[in-house]
Amino acid sequence: MDFSKLDGLIPAVIQDDASGEVLMVGFMNQEALERTVATGFATFFSRTRGTLWMKGETSGNRLQVTSMLVDCDDDTLLLKVKRLGDGNVCHTGTRSCFRPYEAGNWQ
């Protein structure tokens, strides 16, 4: 993986393995990627806190990695995951961090 382009970070797109729904985008440094591979659970690097965090570590809504794909430039990952816990991925309590954008209005 090429961690040189974004100050040691790569974006990781998280997709539900069963439905194909895009759930979130997080950032990983090399240590977060290594921990993800070692544990089988999505781990990210928090840009605001400057620390690693395993998604769902406190809520129980962890993301079990079923497969990982790398893009053609080796600088972005796609993680296909199985949702554990209640299935909510976003910190707002929704299943996905994404929502519709229509006619310039966020919903």
C-alpha atoms as a PDB file:
ATOM      1  CA  MET A   1       0.000   0.000   0.000  1.00  0.00           C
ATOM      2  CA  ASP A   2       1.133   3.530  -0.798  1.00  0.00           C
ATOM      3  CA  PHE A   3       0.832   5.543   2.410  1.00  0.00           C
ATOM      4  CA  SER A   4       2.935   8.444   1.066  1.00  0.00           C
ATOM      5  CA  LYS A   5       0.215  10.577  -0.568  1.00  0.00           C
ATOM      6  CA  LEU A   6      -1.947  11.630   2.409  1.00  0.00           C
ATOM      7  CA  ASP A   7       0.533  12.048   5.250  1.00  0.00           C
ATOM      8  CA  GLY A   8       0.718   8.335   5.945  1.00  0.00           C
ATOM      9  CA  LEU A   9      -3.006   7.651   5.524  1.00  0.00           C
ATOM     10  CA  ILE A  10      -5.170   5.869   2.977  1.00  0.00           C
ATOM     11  CA  PRO A  11      -8.956   6.097   2.593  1.00  0.00           C
ATOM     12  CA  ALA A  12     -10.906   2.927   3.300  1.00  0.00           C
ATOM     13  CA  VAL A  13     -14.371   2.621   1.787  1.00  0.00           C
ATOM     14  CA  ILE A  14     -16.585   0.331   3.861  1.00  0.00           C
ATOM     15  CA  GLN A  15     -19.268  -1.676   2.063  1.00  0.00           C
ATOM     16  CA  ASP A  16     -21.858  -4.121   3.416  1.00  0.00           C
ATOM     17  CA  ASP A  17     -20.897  -7.506   1.997  1.00  0.00           C
ATOM     18  CA  ALA A  18     -24.487  -8.765   1.797  1.00  0.00           C
ATOM     19  CA  SER A  19     -26.314  -5.711   0.411  1.00  0.00           C
ATOM     20  CA  GLY A  20     -23.534  -3.798  -1.358  1.00  0.00           C
ATOM     21  CA  GLU A  21     -24.533  -0.624   0.516  1.00  0.00           C
ATOM     22  CA  VAL A  22     -21.685   1.833   1.116  1.00  0.00           C
ATOM     23  CA  LEU A  23     -21.572   2.385   4.865  1.00  0.00           C
ATOM     24  CA  MET A  24     -18.749   4.817   5.589  1.00  0.00           C
ATOM     25  CA  VAL A  25     -15.300   6.041   4.646  1.00  0.00           C
ATOM     26  CA  GLY A  26     -12.513   5.983   7.197  1.00  0.00           C
ATOM     27  CA  PHE A  27      -8.770   6.479   7.103  1.00  0.00           C
ATOM     28  CA  MET A  28      -6.076   3.955   7.903  1.00  0.00           C
ATOM     29  CA  ASN A  29      -2.408   4.293   8.587  1.00  0.00           C
ATOM     30  CA  GLN A  30      -0.147   1.271   8.235  1.00  0.00           C
ATOM     31  CA  GLU A  31      -0.715   0.218  11.850  1.00  0.00           C
ATOM     32  CA  ALA A  32      -4.513   0.363  11.448  1.00  0.00           C
ATOM     33  CA  LEU A  33      -4.287  -1.790   8.327  1.00  0.00           C
ATOM     34  CA  GLU A  34      -2.050  -4.294  10.092  1.00  0.00           C
ATOM     35  CA  ARG A  35      -4.442  -4.475  13.042  1.00  0.00           C
ATOM     36  CA  THR A  36      -7.410  -4.912  10.691  1.00  0.00           C
ATOM     37  CA  VAL A  37      -5.669  -7.826   8.992  1.00  0.00           C
ATOM     38  CA  ALA A  38      -4.583  -9.367  12.315  1.00  0.00           C
ATOM     39  CA  THR A  39      -7.977  -9.114  14.053  1.00  0.00           C
ATOM     40  CA  GLY A  40     -10.395  -9.361  11.137  1.00  0.00           C
ATOM     41  CA  PHE A  41     -12.230  -6.252  12.371  1.00  0.00           C
ATOM     42  CA  ALA A  42     -12.096  -2.798  10.755  1.00  0.00           C
ATOM     43  CA  THR A  43      -9.690  -0.505  12.586  1.00  0.00           C
ATOM     44  CA  PHE A  44      -9.094   3.099  11.589  1.00  0.00           C
ATOM     45  CA  PHE A  45      -6.860   6.037  12.408  1.00  0.00           C
ATOM     46  CA  SER A  46      -8.697   8.994  13.928  1.00  0.00           C
ATOM     47  CA  ARG A  47      -7.395  12.175  12.335  1.00  0.00           C
ATOM     48  CA  THR A  48      -8.876  14.310  15.130  1.00  0.00           C
ATOM     49  CA  ARG A  49      -7.615  12.238  18.062  1.00  0.00           C
ATOM     50  CA  GLY A  50      -4.442  10.954  16.424  1.00  0.00           C
ATOM     51  CA  THR A  51      -5.089   7.399  17.635  1.00  0.00           C
ATOM     52  CA  LEU A  52      -6.275   4.046  16.355  1.00  0.00           C
ATOM     53  CA  TRP A  53      -9.883   3.015  16.924  1.00  0.00           C
ATOM     54  CA  MET A  54     -11.707  -0.193  16.178  1.00  0.00           C
ATOM     55  CA  LYS A  55     -15.156   0.540  14.784  1.00  0.00           C
ATOM     56  CA  GLY A  56     -17.755  -0.562  17.329  1.00  0.00           C
ATOM     57  CA  GLU A  57     -15.261  -1.141  20.125  1.00  0.00           C
ATOM     58  CA  THR A  58     -17.524   0.579  22.647  1.00  0.00           C
ATOM     59  CA  SER A  59     -20.957   0.241  20.978  1.00  0.00           C
ATOM     60  CA  GLY A  60     -20.596  -3.397  19.929  1.00  0.00           C
ATOM     61  CA  ASN A  61     -21.428  -2.465  16.328  1.00  0.00           C
ATOM     62  CA  ARG A  62     -18.203  -3.876  14.961  1.00  0.00           C
ATOM     63  CA  LEU A  63     -17.393  -4.466  11.311  1.00  0.00           C
ATOM     64  CA  GLN A  64     -16.099  -7.952  10.557  1.00  0.00           C
ATOM     65  CA  VAL A  65     -14.020  -7.847   7.384  1.00  0.00           C
ATOM     66  CA  THR A  66     -15.013 -10.480   4.820  1.00  0.00           C
ATOM     67  CA  SER A  67     -12.715  -9.283   2.026  1.00  0.00           C
ATOM     68  CA  MET A  68     -10.435  -6.403   1.071  1.00  0.00           C
ATOM     69  CA  LEU A  69      -9.739  -4.953  -2.359  1.00  0.00           C
ATOM     70  CA  VAL A  70      -7.071  -2.417  -3.279  1.00  0.00           C
ATOM     71  CA  ASP A  71      -7.435   0.151  -6.056  1.00  0.00           C
ATOM     72  CA  CYS A  72      -5.183   0.423  -9.111  1.00  0.00           C
ATOM     73  CA  ASP A  73      -2.943   3.068  -7.478  1.00  0.00           C
ATOM     74  CA  ASP A  74      -2.452   1.068  -4.259  1.00  0.00           C
ATOM     75  CA  ASP A  75      -3.674   4.048  -2.213  1.00  0.00           C
ATOM     76  CA  THR A  76      -7.311   3.211  -1.402  1.00  0.00           C
ATOM     77  CA  LEU A  77      -8.966   0.149   0.110  1.00  0.00           C
ATOM     78  CA  LEU A  78     -12.452  -1.272  -0.223  1.00  0.00           C
ATOM     79  CA  LEU A  79     -13.409  -3.354   2.798  1.00  0.00           C
ATOM     80  CA  LYS A  80     -16.425  -5.590   2.492  1.00  0.00           C
ATOM     81  CA  VAL A  81     -17.835  -6.224   5.934  1.00  0.00           C
ATOM     82  CA  LYS A  82     -20.441  -8.032   7.956  1.00  0.00           C
ATOM     83  CA  ARG A  83     -22.181  -5.727  10.437  1.00  0.00           C
ATOM     84  CA  LEU A  84     -22.278  -6.946  14.019  1.00  0.00           C
ATOM     85  CA  GLY A  85     -24.375  -5.613  16.880  1.00  0.00           C
ATOM     86  CA  ASP A  86     -27.491  -3.668  15.909  1.00  0.00           C
ATOM     87  CA  GLY A  87     -26.094  -2.964  12.438  1.00  0.00           C
ATOM     88  CA  ASN A  88     -25.821   0.800  12.841  1.00  0.00           C
ATOM     89  CA  VAL A  89     -22.521   2.071  11.520  1.00  0.00           C
ATOM     90  CA  CYS A  90     -22.767   5.859  11.816  1.00  0.00           C
ATOM     91  CA  HIS A  91     -22.149   7.676  15.092  1.00  0.00           C
ATOM     92  CA  THR A  92     -25.548   9.348  14.518  1.00  0.00           C
ATOM     93  CA  GLY A  93     -27.241   5.971  15.018  1.00  0.00           C
ATOM     94  CA  THR A  94     -28.026   5.210  11.376  1.00  0.00           C
ATOM     95  CA  ARG A  95     -27.096   2.168   9.313  1.00  0.00           C
ATOM     96  CA  SER A  96     -24.896   4.207   6.954  1.00  0.00           C
ATOM     97  CA  CYS A  97     -22.975   7.458   7.201  1.00  0.00           C
ATOM     98  CA  PHE A  98     -24.383   8.421   3.783  1.00  0.00           C
ATOM     99  CA  ARG A  99     -27.730  10.045   3.007  1.00  0.00           C
ATOM    100  CA  PRO A 100     -29.355  11.378  -0.170  1.00  0.00           C
ATOM    101  CA  TYR A 101     -28.305  14.691  -1.670  1.00  0.00           C
ATOM    102  CA  GLU A 102     -31.176  16.194  -3.639  1.00  0.00           C
ATOM    103  CA  ALA A 103     -31.456  19.588  -5.352  1.00  0.00           C
ATOM    104  CA  GLY A 104     -28.803  21.125  -3.137  1.00  0.00           C
ATOM    105  CA  ASN A 105     -30.482  20.067   0.102  1.00  0.00           C
ATOM    106  CA  TRP A 106     -29.035  17.604   2.571  1.00  0.00           C
ATOM    107  CA  GLN A 107     -31.630  15.270   3.994  1.00  0.00           C
END
